[in-house]
Amino acid sequence: MQVPILDLKAQYLSLKEEIDNAIRTVFDSQQFINGPQVGECEKAIAAYSQALFATGVSSGTDALLIPLMIEKIGPGDEVIVPNYSFFATAGVVARVGAKPVFVDIDPVTFNIDPQKIEESITAKTKAIIPVHLFGQMADMMAIGELADKYHLIVIEDAAQAIGAECNRKRAGSFGHYGTLSFFPSKNLGCAGDGGMIITSDPKRDELSKIFRQHGSKVKYRHTHIGGNFRLDTLQAAILLAKLPLLDRWTAARQEHAKYYRELFERTGLLGTDLIALPEETCDRHIFNQYVGRFTRRDRLIAWLRDHGIECVVYYPIPFHQMECFADLGYSIGDFPESEKASGEALAIPIYPEMTSEMQEYVVDTIAEFYRK
C-alpha cells in the first residue's frame, strides 16, 4: 500500500468544479491584482478567525514580516521566538535587522514554553512571536500576561493553526497581530504562496494594507517604505471556494487523530518509552500535522519509506544550531527540549481523505518495526 503524507489531488478532485469556476471567474474579469475576491476573502477569514480585520498578503512569511516593519522593529531590538519552528519565524526577525532571542519549547506541545520566556526579556525586547505548531495553540494566556507586563507586541504565528482554539478564542485573535499561511499543504491552502494578517486594531489593519502595497494608500504617494506583498486574486478566489469545507476537513483530521490513538493503544506501544503521541492541551487541535516522538526515528523513517509510507521530520535542526544564526553565540545543550525534539519528532500521514485502511497499515507497519 502507498500512503502519502498528504494527497492534494484528492482534495482538488472533491471540489474541482468549484475551484475551476472560481478560477474562470477571475480570468473572465482579468482583475488579477486586488480583484473583488481579495476583499471578500479577507472578510471571510477575519470572521472565521474571530478578528475584525484581515489583510491578504503574498505568503505566510510576509505576513510575519509586515508587522515587524509596521512596529519599526529593527537594529538594536530583540524579538523572542521559539527555538523550534519553521525558519520563517526567526528569519523575518533577522531580515529587519533585529536579534531573534530563542526560547526552548514545552516537551508536550512542542510550542514555546511560557515559563522560560520571562528570563529572556531584556530592555531591548520589543515583541514575542509565539508559534501554534502542528495545529495546536501555544499558551496565549500566559504569553499575553507577560506581554502586558513588559509592554511587548505579540505577533501570533498561526501558519499551521487556522481555526485552532483555546479558551474559546481562535488562533491569531489573541495578539496584536495574527498571521496565517495558505501554502498548499496547510489545512486551508491555495494554489501557491499566500498569507494573511489578522487583527482587531483598525490602525494596524490600515497600515498592513499600506505596507503590502509599497507603503502607498494613494497611488504614487508613498507614506511608508513597504513592499510588494499582495495576495493574488486567483489565490483569494481559490481560498473562498475551499473555506466552506474547512470545518469538515478539520473534523476529519480530528477523527483520524482519534483513530490513530486507538490503533496505537491496541499495539501496546503507548505507555512505553518507544513512542509518544500528540497530546491535546487546548480546546481545538486542528492537526495540520500529526507529529509524535519515536525512538530510533531515522531507522523507522527508512522502514516506513521501504513500505510505501511517507513521513516527514519537523524540524531536524533547531534555530540555535543553524549556521546563519552562529553569530548569536548559542551552543549545543542550551536548549535541551528543542534538541531532543529534533531527534525524535516525526510526522506520519494525516489528511481528510485518508481511509481507515491506510491508518491501520501505517500503525501496523510501525508496530512491526518495533517488534523486529
Protein backbone atom coordinates (compact mmCIF):
# COMPACT_ATOMS: atom_id res chain seq x y z
CA MET A 1 0.00 0.00 0.00
CA GLN A 2 1.15 3.55 -0.77
CA VAL A 3 0.30 6.17 1.86
CA PRO A 4 1.33 9.76 1.06
CA ILE A 5 1.91 12.34 3.77
CA LEU A 6 -0.79 14.43 2.07
CA ASP A 7 -2.94 13.98 -1.04
CA LEU A 8 -3.75 17.37 -2.56
CA LYS A 9 -5.01 15.80 -5.76
CA ALA A 10 -7.76 14.00 -3.85
CA GLN A 11 -8.78 17.29 -2.23
CA TYR A 12 -8.86 19.07 -5.58
CA LEU A 13 -10.97 16.38 -7.21
CA SER A 14 -13.52 16.64 -4.40
CA LEU A 15 -14.31 20.26 -5.32
CA LYS A 16 -12.88 20.55 -8.82
CA GLU A 17 -15.97 22.25 -10.24
CA GLU A 18 -16.00 24.96 -7.54
CA ILE A 19 -12.30 25.72 -7.91
CA ASP A 20 -12.39 25.68 -11.70
CA ASN A 21 -15.37 28.06 -11.68
CA ALA A 22 -13.59 30.38 -9.25
CA ILE A 23 -10.52 30.49 -11.48
CA ARG A 24 -12.62 31.02 -14.59
CA THR A 25 -14.39 33.97 -12.97
CA VAL A 26 -11.06 35.68 -12.31
CA PHE A 27 -9.85 35.08 -15.85
CA ASP A 28 -13.11 36.38 -17.26
CA SER A 29 -12.70 39.58 -15.24
CA GLN A 30 -8.94 39.86 -15.84
CA GLN A 31 -8.63 41.50 -12.38
CA PHE A 32 -5.59 39.57 -11.24
CA ILE A 33 -4.40 42.21 -8.74
CA ASN A 34 -6.72 43.45 -5.97
CA GLY A 35 -9.80 41.93 -7.55
CA PRO A 36 -13.04 41.80 -5.51
CA GLN A 37 -12.33 38.26 -4.32
CA VAL A 38 -9.41 39.57 -2.23
CA GLY A 39 -11.65 41.75 -0.10
CA GLU A 40 -14.27 39.00 0.15
CA CYS A 41 -11.63 36.53 1.27
CA GLU A 42 -10.26 38.95 3.87
CA LYS A 43 -13.72 39.45 5.40
CA ALA A 44 -14.43 35.72 5.44
CA ILE A 45 -11.11 34.75 7.03
CA ALA A 46 -11.33 37.56 9.61
CA ALA A 47 -14.77 36.36 10.67
CA TYR A 48 -13.62 32.73 10.76
CA SER A 49 -10.64 33.68 12.93
CA GLN A 50 -12.69 35.87 15.30
CA ALA A 51 -10.89 39.05 14.25
CA LEU A 52 -12.34 42.30 12.95
CA PHE A 53 -9.94 42.80 10.04
CA ALA A 54 -7.68 40.89 7.69
CA THR A 55 -5.13 41.76 5.03
CA GLY A 56 -4.28 39.26 2.32
CA VAL A 57 -0.57 39.07 1.57
CA SER A 58 1.84 37.16 -0.63
CA SER A 59 2.91 34.46 1.86
CA GLY A 60 2.87 33.42 5.48
CA THR A 61 6.44 34.66 5.73
CA ASP A 62 5.48 38.13 4.53
CA ALA A 63 2.56 38.08 6.96
CA LEU A 64 5.17 37.82 9.74
CA LEU A 65 7.49 40.39 8.21
CA ILE A 66 4.98 43.21 7.73
CA PRO A 67 4.04 43.62 11.44
CA LEU A 68 7.73 43.94 12.33
CA MET A 69 8.06 46.67 9.70
CA ILE A 70 4.93 48.44 10.93
CA GLU A 71 6.14 48.40 14.54
CA LYS A 72 9.54 49.78 13.42
CA ILE A 73 11.40 46.82 14.93
CA GLY A 74 14.96 46.74 13.67
CA PRO A 75 18.63 47.06 14.62
CA GLY A 76 19.17 47.14 18.37
CA ASP A 77 15.84 45.45 19.10
CA GLU A 78 15.19 41.89 20.27
CA VAL A 79 12.28 39.60 19.44
CA ILE A 80 11.53 36.42 21.37
CA VAL A 81 10.77 33.34 19.26
CA PRO A 82 10.60 29.61 19.93
CA ASN A 83 13.82 27.78 19.15
CA TYR A 84 11.91 25.05 17.33
CA SER A 85 9.78 26.07 14.34
CA PHE A 86 9.88 26.65 10.60
CA PHE A 87 12.71 29.00 9.63
CA ALA A 88 10.47 31.96 8.73
CA THR A 89 9.61 32.61 12.38
CA ALA A 90 13.18 33.60 13.18
CA GLY A 91 14.24 34.56 9.67
CA VAL A 92 11.92 37.57 9.45
CA VAL A 93 13.38 38.98 12.67
CA ALA A 94 16.89 38.84 11.25
CA ARG A 95 15.69 40.34 7.95
CA VAL A 96 14.61 43.57 9.66
CA GLY A 97 17.96 43.74 11.45
CA ALA A 98 16.66 42.79 14.89
CA LYS A 99 18.03 39.99 17.06
CA PRO A 100 15.99 36.79 17.42
CA VAL A 101 16.15 35.57 21.01
CA PHE A 102 15.46 31.84 21.21
CA VAL A 103 13.38 30.19 23.94
CA ASP A 104 13.05 26.45 24.49
CA ILE A 105 9.83 24.54 23.96
CA ASP A 106 7.31 22.69 26.07
CA PRO A 107 8.04 18.96 25.63
CA VAL A 108 4.35 18.03 25.36
CA THR A 109 3.08 20.56 22.81
CA PHE A 110 6.34 21.49 21.01
CA ASN A 111 5.25 25.12 21.45
CA ILE A 112 7.26 27.86 23.18
CA ASP A 113 7.49 27.30 26.94
CA PRO A 114 5.95 30.38 28.61
CA GLN A 115 7.80 29.55 31.83
CA LYS A 116 11.07 30.26 30.03
CA ILE A 117 10.07 33.49 28.29
CA GLU A 118 10.40 35.96 31.15
CA GLU A 119 14.04 35.16 31.83
CA SER A 120 14.82 36.09 28.22
CA ILE A 121 13.15 39.52 28.30
CA THR A 122 15.52 42.49 28.38
CA ALA A 123 15.24 46.24 27.96
CA LYS A 124 15.76 45.63 24.23
CA THR A 125 12.85 43.20 23.84
CA LYS A 126 10.11 44.62 21.63
CA ALA A 127 7.98 41.65 20.65
CA ILE A 128 7.13 37.98 21.10
CA ILE A 129 6.29 35.68 18.19
CA PRO A 130 4.62 32.56 19.63
CA VAL A 131 4.03 29.76 17.12
CA HIS A 132 0.98 27.48 17.22
CA LEU A 133 2.88 24.47 15.98
CA PHE A 134 1.33 21.49 14.18
CA GLY A 135 -2.21 22.84 14.70
CA GLN A 136 -2.31 23.42 18.46
CA MET A 137 -2.14 26.79 20.16
CA ALA A 138 0.63 27.95 22.46
CA ASP A 139 -0.33 29.11 25.96
CA MET A 140 -1.58 32.54 24.93
CA MET A 141 -2.99 33.41 28.34
CA ALA A 142 0.44 33.18 29.96
CA ILE A 143 2.15 34.83 26.99
CA GLY A 144 -0.39 37.64 26.97
CA GLU A 145 0.19 38.35 30.65
CA LEU A 146 3.94 38.65 30.05
CA ALA A 147 3.38 40.88 27.03
CA ASP A 148 1.15 43.17 29.06
CA LYS A 149 3.60 43.26 31.95
CA TYR A 150 6.54 44.26 29.73
CA HIS A 151 4.59 46.22 27.06
CA LEU A 152 5.52 43.87 24.23
CA ILE A 153 3.96 43.44 20.79
CA VAL A 154 2.54 39.95 20.20
CA ILE A 155 2.59 38.55 16.66
CA GLU A 156 0.96 35.14 16.58
CA ASP A 157 2.41 32.76 14.01
CA ALA A 158 -0.73 30.76 13.27
CA ALA A 159 0.50 29.48 9.90
CA GLN A 160 -0.31 25.89 10.91
CA ALA A 161 -3.33 26.61 13.08
CA ILE A 162 -6.23 28.30 11.29
CA GLY A 163 -9.33 27.58 13.37
CA ALA A 164 -7.46 26.18 16.38
CA GLU A 165 -8.97 27.30 19.69
CA CYS A 166 -8.02 27.87 23.30
CA ASN A 167 -10.28 29.46 25.91
CA ARG A 168 -12.94 29.79 23.18
CA LYS A 169 -10.72 32.11 21.16
CA ARG A 170 -9.22 31.24 17.81
CA ALA A 171 -5.61 31.26 16.76
CA GLY A 172 -4.50 34.71 15.70
CA SER A 173 -7.14 36.58 17.72
CA PHE A 174 -5.13 36.91 20.95
CA GLY A 175 -2.22 39.09 19.85
CA HIS A 176 -1.81 42.50 18.29
CA TYR A 177 -1.42 40.61 15.01
CA GLY A 178 -2.16 37.08 13.89
CA THR A 179 -0.54 35.63 10.79
CA LEU A 180 -1.73 32.82 8.53
CA SER A 181 -0.19 30.85 5.70
CA PHE A 182 -2.10 29.39 2.77
CA PHE A 183 0.80 27.30 1.46
CA PRO A 184 -0.77 24.34 -0.37
CA SER A 185 -0.06 21.83 2.42
CA LYS A 186 -1.90 23.85 5.06
CA ASN A 187 -5.40 22.86 6.20
CA LEU A 188 -6.64 25.78 4.09
CA GLY A 189 -4.24 26.00 1.19
CA CYS A 190 -4.22 27.90 -2.08
CA ALA A 191 -2.50 27.01 -5.36
CA GLY A 192 0.85 28.56 -4.49
CA ASP A 193 2.02 31.01 -1.87
CA GLY A 194 -0.39 33.17 0.08
CA GLY A 195 -0.89 34.51 3.57
CA MET A 196 -2.94 36.84 5.73
CA ILE A 197 -2.53 39.24 8.64
CA ILE A 198 -5.48 39.39 11.02
CA THR A 199 -6.07 41.98 13.73
CA SER A 200 -8.85 43.74 15.58
CA ASP A 201 -6.97 47.04 15.61
CA PRO A 202 -8.22 49.31 12.79
CA LYS A 203 -5.00 51.33 12.66
CA ARG A 204 -2.82 48.24 12.38
CA ASP A 205 -5.12 46.86 9.70
CA GLU A 206 -4.86 50.09 7.72
CA LEU A 207 -1.08 50.03 7.98
CA SER A 208 -0.97 46.36 6.94
CA LYS A 209 -2.81 47.26 3.73
CA ILE A 210 -0.50 50.22 3.13
CA PHE A 211 2.69 48.25 3.73
CA ARG A 212 1.63 45.39 1.44
CA GLN A 213 1.43 47.86 -1.46
CA HIS A 214 4.80 49.58 -1.42
CA GLY A 215 3.79 51.76 1.54
CA SER A 216 1.12 53.50 -0.52
CA LYS A 217 -2.53 54.16 0.19
CA VAL A 218 -2.98 56.57 -2.70
CA LYS A 219 -1.33 55.53 -5.97
CA TYR A 220 2.16 57.00 -6.42
CA ARG A 221 2.10 58.60 -2.97
CA HIS A 222 4.23 56.61 -0.53
CA THR A 223 3.93 57.39 3.16
CA HIS A 224 5.98 54.38 4.27
CA ILE A 225 8.61 52.01 2.90
CA GLY A 226 6.64 48.86 2.28
CA GLY A 227 6.90 46.13 -0.32
CA ASN A 228 5.04 44.20 -2.98
CA PHE A 229 3.24 41.85 -0.62
CA ARG A 230 -0.19 41.46 -2.23
CA LEU A 231 -2.34 38.32 -2.27
CA ASP A 232 -3.20 37.38 -5.87
CA THR A 233 -6.87 37.49 -6.81
CA LEU A 234 -6.62 33.93 -8.14
CA GLN A 235 -5.42 32.66 -4.78
CA ALA A 236 -8.17 34.53 -2.94
CA ALA A 237 -10.79 33.02 -5.25
CA ILE A 238 -9.48 29.50 -4.59
CA LEU A 239 -9.50 30.11 -0.84
CA LEU A 240 -13.09 31.31 -0.99
CA ALA A 241 -14.06 28.10 -2.78
CA LYS A 242 -12.33 25.97 -0.14
CA LEU A 243 -13.26 27.83 3.05
CA PRO A 244 -16.81 26.38 3.36
CA LEU A 245 -15.26 22.90 3.61
CA LEU A 246 -12.57 23.75 6.15
CA ASP A 247 -14.51 22.71 9.26
CA ARG A 248 -15.45 19.41 7.62
CA TRP A 249 -11.80 18.77 6.78
CA THR A 250 -10.72 19.67 10.29
CA ALA A 251 -13.28 17.28 11.76
CA ALA A 252 -11.93 14.51 9.54
CA ARG A 253 -8.37 15.20 10.73
CA GLN A 254 -9.55 15.09 14.33
CA GLU A 255 -11.29 11.76 13.73
CA HIS A 256 -8.12 10.38 12.16
CA ALA A 257 -6.08 11.56 15.16
CA LYS A 258 -8.52 9.82 17.49
CA TYR A 259 -8.33 6.61 15.46
CA TYR A 260 -4.53 6.70 15.43
CA ARG A 261 -4.55 6.76 19.23
CA GLU A 262 -6.97 3.84 19.35
CA LEU A 263 -4.82 1.84 16.94
CA PHE A 264 -1.60 2.56 18.81
CA GLU A 265 -3.24 1.59 22.10
CA ARG A 266 -4.06 -1.80 20.59
CA THR A 267 -0.40 -2.36 19.71
CA GLY A 268 0.73 -1.95 23.31
CA LEU A 269 3.27 0.69 22.27
CA LEU A 270 1.60 3.50 24.20
CA GLY A 271 2.88 3.86 27.70
CA THR A 272 6.31 2.57 26.70
CA ASP A 273 9.42 4.63 26.06
CA LEU A 274 9.26 3.78 22.35
CA ILE A 275 6.68 6.30 21.17
CA ALA A 276 4.69 9.29 22.41
CA LEU A 277 1.65 10.57 20.52
CA PRO A 278 0.38 14.18 20.31
CA GLU A 279 -1.46 15.40 23.40
CA GLU A 280 -4.37 17.82 23.11
CA THR A 281 -3.98 20.62 25.64
CA CYS A 282 -6.35 23.19 24.10
CA ASP A 283 -9.99 23.24 23.08
CA ARG A 284 -9.48 22.60 19.37
CA HIS A 285 -6.40 20.99 17.84
CA ILE A 286 -6.68 21.09 14.04
CA PHE A 287 -3.85 18.59 13.32
CA ASN A 288 -2.11 20.34 10.45
CA GLN A 289 0.43 17.61 11.08
CA TYR A 290 0.31 14.51 13.26
CA VAL A 291 3.66 14.63 15.00
CA GLY A 292 4.74 12.09 17.58
CA ARG A 293 8.02 11.11 19.19
CA PHE A 294 9.65 7.89 18.07
CA THR A 295 12.82 6.22 19.29
CA ARG A 296 15.25 5.01 16.62
CA ARG A 297 13.50 7.52 14.39
CA ASP A 298 15.87 7.57 11.45
CA ARG A 299 15.77 3.79 11.11
CA LEU A 300 11.97 3.93 11.42
CA ILE A 301 11.83 6.51 8.60
CA ALA A 302 13.76 4.18 6.29
CA TRP A 303 11.48 1.29 7.27
CA LEU A 304 8.31 3.29 6.58
CA ARG A 305 9.56 4.51 3.23
CA ASP A 306 10.51 0.97 2.25
CA HIS A 307 6.89 0.08 2.95
CA GLY A 308 5.41 2.90 0.88
CA ILE A 309 4.59 5.26 3.75
CA GLU A 310 5.64 8.90 3.53
CA CYS A 311 6.78 10.66 6.70
CA VAL A 312 8.45 13.99 7.39
CA VAL A 313 10.76 15.34 10.10
CA TYR A 314 9.51 18.64 11.53
CA TYR A 315 12.15 20.02 12.32
CA PRO A 316 15.60 18.41 12.07
CA ILE A 317 17.67 21.44 13.18
CA PRO A 318 16.72 23.86 15.99
CA PHE A 319 17.44 27.52 15.26
CA HIS A 320 20.41 27.76 17.64
CA GLN A 321 22.26 25.10 15.63
CA MET A 322 21.74 26.74 12.23
CA GLU A 323 24.78 28.26 10.52
CA CYS A 324 23.01 31.52 9.75
CA PHE A 325 22.49 32.16 13.47
CA ALA A 326 26.00 31.15 14.59
CA ASP A 327 26.89 34.75 15.45
CA LEU A 328 24.24 34.77 18.20
CA GLY A 329 26.60 32.72 20.35
CA TYR A 330 24.38 29.79 21.32
CA SER A 331 25.85 26.34 21.96
CA ILE A 332 24.70 22.75 21.81
CA GLY A 333 22.97 21.97 25.09
CA ASP A 334 21.47 25.44 25.54
CA PHE A 335 18.00 24.26 24.50
CA PRO A 336 17.66 20.62 25.57
CA GLU A 337 13.97 20.19 24.73
CA SER A 338 14.39 21.57 21.22
CA GLU A 339 17.40 19.33 20.64
CA LYS A 340 15.54 16.29 21.92
CA ALA A 341 12.52 17.05 19.74
CA SER A 342 14.68 17.48 16.65
CA GLY A 343 15.98 13.94 17.13
CA GLU A 344 12.64 12.27 17.92
CA ALA A 345 9.75 14.12 16.23
CA LEU A 346 8.19 12.56 13.16
CA ALA A 347 5.04 13.40 11.22
CA ILE A 348 3.05 10.46 9.91
CA PRO A 349 0.29 10.84 7.30
CA ILE A 350 -2.89 12.68 8.23
CA TYR A 351 -5.28 14.34 5.80
CA PRO A 352 -9.07 14.36 5.41
CA GLU A 353 -9.23 11.85 2.55
CA MET A 354 -7.25 9.14 4.39
CA THR A 355 -9.01 5.81 4.77
CA SER A 356 -9.12 3.71 7.92
CA GLU A 357 -7.24 1.01 6.00
CA MET A 358 -4.39 3.45 5.36
CA GLN A 359 -4.19 4.34 9.03
CA GLU A 360 -4.24 0.68 10.05
CA TYR A 361 -1.43 -0.05 7.61
CA VAL A 362 0.65 2.84 8.99
CA VAL A 363 0.25 1.69 12.60
CA ASP A 364 0.77 -1.99 11.79
CA THR A 365 3.98 -1.13 9.93
CA ILE A 366 5.28 0.95 12.85
CA ALA A 367 4.39 -1.81 15.30
CA GLU A 368 6.20 -4.36 13.14
CA PHE A 369 9.31 -2.18 13.20
CA TYR A 370 9.41 -2.08 16.99
CA ARG A 371 8.77 -5.81 17.31
CA LYS A 372 11.51 -6.94 14.94
